[in-house]
Protein backbone atom coordinates (compact mmCIF):
# COMPACT_ATOMS: atom_id res chain seq x y z
CA MET A 1 0.24 -0.02 -0.04
CA GLY A 2 1.39 3.90 -0.97
CA LYS A 3 1.29 6.98 0.78
CA TYR A 4 -2.04 7.38 2.70
CA ALA A 5 -3.42 9.64 5.17
CA ILE A 6 -6.77 10.34 7.62
CA ILE A 7 -8.10 13.21 7.81
CA ASP A 8 -11.35 15.14 9.70
CA ILE A 9 -13.12 17.01 7.37
CA GLY A 10 -16.78 17.63 7.45
CA GLY A 11 -17.19 16.14 10.61
CA SER A 12 -15.72 12.84 9.72
CA GLN A 13 -12.29 11.34 9.40
CA LEU A 14 -12.09 9.86 5.95
CA LYS A 15 -9.18 8.10 4.75
CA VAL A 16 -7.58 9.43 1.53
CA GLU A 17 -4.60 8.72 -1.03
CA PRO A 18 -3.36 11.38 -3.76
CA GLY A 19 -4.98 10.96 -7.17
CA LYS A 20 -8.39 9.37 -5.42
CA PHE A 21 -12.00 11.66 -5.46
CA TYR A 22 -13.86 11.76 -2.41
CA ASP A 23 -17.43 12.74 -1.91
CA ILE A 24 -17.29 14.88 1.32
CA ARG A 25 -19.86 17.01 3.47
CA ARG A 26 -21.07 20.25 2.15
CA PHE A 27 -18.85 22.31 5.13
CA THR A 28 -19.02 25.84 3.86
CA SER A 29 -22.54 27.95 2.71
CA ASN A 30 -20.41 30.05 0.15
CA LEU A 31 -18.90 27.19 -2.23
CA ASP A 32 -20.29 28.90 -5.31
CA THR A 33 -18.35 32.69 -4.61
CA LEU A 34 -15.34 30.43 -3.45
CA GLY A 35 -15.18 28.78 -6.62
CA PHE A 36 -14.87 25.59 -7.99
CA ASN A 37 -11.29 23.88 -8.68
CA LYS A 38 -10.09 25.94 -6.06
CA GLN A 39 -7.11 24.55 -4.37
CA ILE A 40 -7.13 23.62 -0.79
CA SER A 41 -5.08 22.38 2.08
CA ILE A 42 -6.09 20.36 5.22
CA ASN A 43 -4.28 20.80 8.77
CA ARG A 44 -6.35 18.49 10.44
CA ILE A 45 -4.64 14.98 10.01
CA LEU A 46 -5.07 12.35 12.30
CA LEU A 47 -2.21 9.99 10.83
CA VAL A 48 -0.20 9.71 7.61
CA HIS A 49 1.15 6.27 6.31
CA ASP A 50 4.31 6.98 3.58
CA GLU A 51 5.84 3.39 3.04
CA ALA A 52 7.44 2.05 6.07
CA VAL A 53 6.50 4.88 8.68
CA ILE A 54 3.28 5.79 10.38
CA LYS A 55 2.91 8.99 11.95
CA ILE A 56 0.02 9.72 14.49
CA GLY A 57 -0.80 13.06 16.16
CA SER A 58 -2.46 13.58 19.30
CA PRO A 59 -5.06 14.45 18.07
CA TRP A 60 -3.39 16.01 15.14
CA LEU A 61 0.11 16.41 12.92
CA SER A 62 1.16 19.74 13.41
CA ASN A 63 3.91 19.08 10.28
CA ALA A 64 1.51 17.57 7.79
CA VAL A 65 -0.49 19.09 5.13
CA VAL A 66 -3.08 17.26 2.65
CA LYS A 67 -3.62 19.28 -0.25
CA GLY A 68 -6.09 19.02 -2.59
CA ARG A 69 -8.98 20.44 -5.01
CA LEU A 70 -13.05 21.55 -5.08
CA LEU A 71 -14.49 20.10 -8.34
CA HIS A 72 -17.75 20.86 -8.37
CA SER A 73 -21.01 19.92 -5.61
CA CYS A 74 -23.12 16.84 -6.01
CA SER A 75 -25.73 15.09 -4.17
CA LYS A 76 -26.21 12.07 -2.42
CA LYS A 77 -28.79 9.77 -3.51
CA LYS A 78 -32.16 10.25 -1.76
CA LEU A 79 -33.08 9.40 1.71
CA VAL A 80 -36.89 8.37 2.04
CA ILE A 81 -38.00 8.28 5.70
CA GLN A 82 -41.40 6.98 6.78
CA LYS A 83 -43.27 7.60 10.07
CA ILE A 84 -46.37 5.73 10.30
CA SER A 85 -48.95 6.18 13.05
CA CYS A 86 -50.41 2.29 13.46
CA LYS A 87 -53.41 2.69 15.68
CA LYS A 88 -53.84 6.01 13.95
CA LYS A 89 -54.17 4.42 10.69
CA LYS A 90 -51.80 7.47 9.43
CA GLN A 91 -48.71 7.79 7.56
CA LYS A 92 -46.10 10.27 6.67
CA ILE A 93 -43.29 10.07 3.93
CA PHE A 94 -41.03 12.85 3.41
CA GLY A 95 -37.08 12.78 2.28
CA TYR A 96 -34.32 14.69 1.95
CA ARG A 97 -30.43 15.00 -0.52
CA GLU A 98 -27.42 15.71 1.60
CA SER A 99 -25.36 18.13 -0.39
CA MET A 100 -21.78 17.09 -1.54
CA VAL A 101 -18.47 18.50 -2.73
CA ARG A 102 -16.23 16.41 -4.99
CA LEU A 103 -12.77 16.49 -3.59
CA VAL A 104 -9.52 15.23 -5.32
CA ILE A 105 -6.68 15.26 -3.48
CA ASP A 106 -3.16 15.90 -5.18
CA SER A 107 -0.37 15.85 -2.46
CA ILE A 108 0.24 14.78 0.88
CA SER A 109 2.86 16.28 2.47
CA LEU A 110 5.32 15.31 5.76
CA SER A 111 8.08 18.13 6.77
CA ASP A 112 10.50 16.60 8.79
CA PRO A 113 10.00 18.78 12.83
CA LYS A 114 13.49 19.39 13.12
CA THR A 115 13.68 21.67 10.37
CA LYS A 116 11.24 25.43 10.59
CA THR A 117 10.52 26.96 7.57
CA ASN A 118 10.25 30.63 8.24
């Protein structure tokens, strides 16, 4: 297995690898003004696995950065919820679609903690 990282984004933990696509929860309301194909860097990294080296943060790694791009917005499959009151013979059906964002990971970098860049 190559290089991967576990990040904390959108209220969930996600295992990411460079070059792969992920659908994450929409984490900002002004995504249209932010723009698509926009480069972002994620600093909330819990674990980085690089060949034979595993670095675990407590709670996050301070010297690791995951860089990616926001491609476009999308929606999850529709979730249908049905409520039934059996004695009243009443039922209610409703559903919703969660807004998602397509994210592609470009790179995972782990810098040496001994070297400081100022």
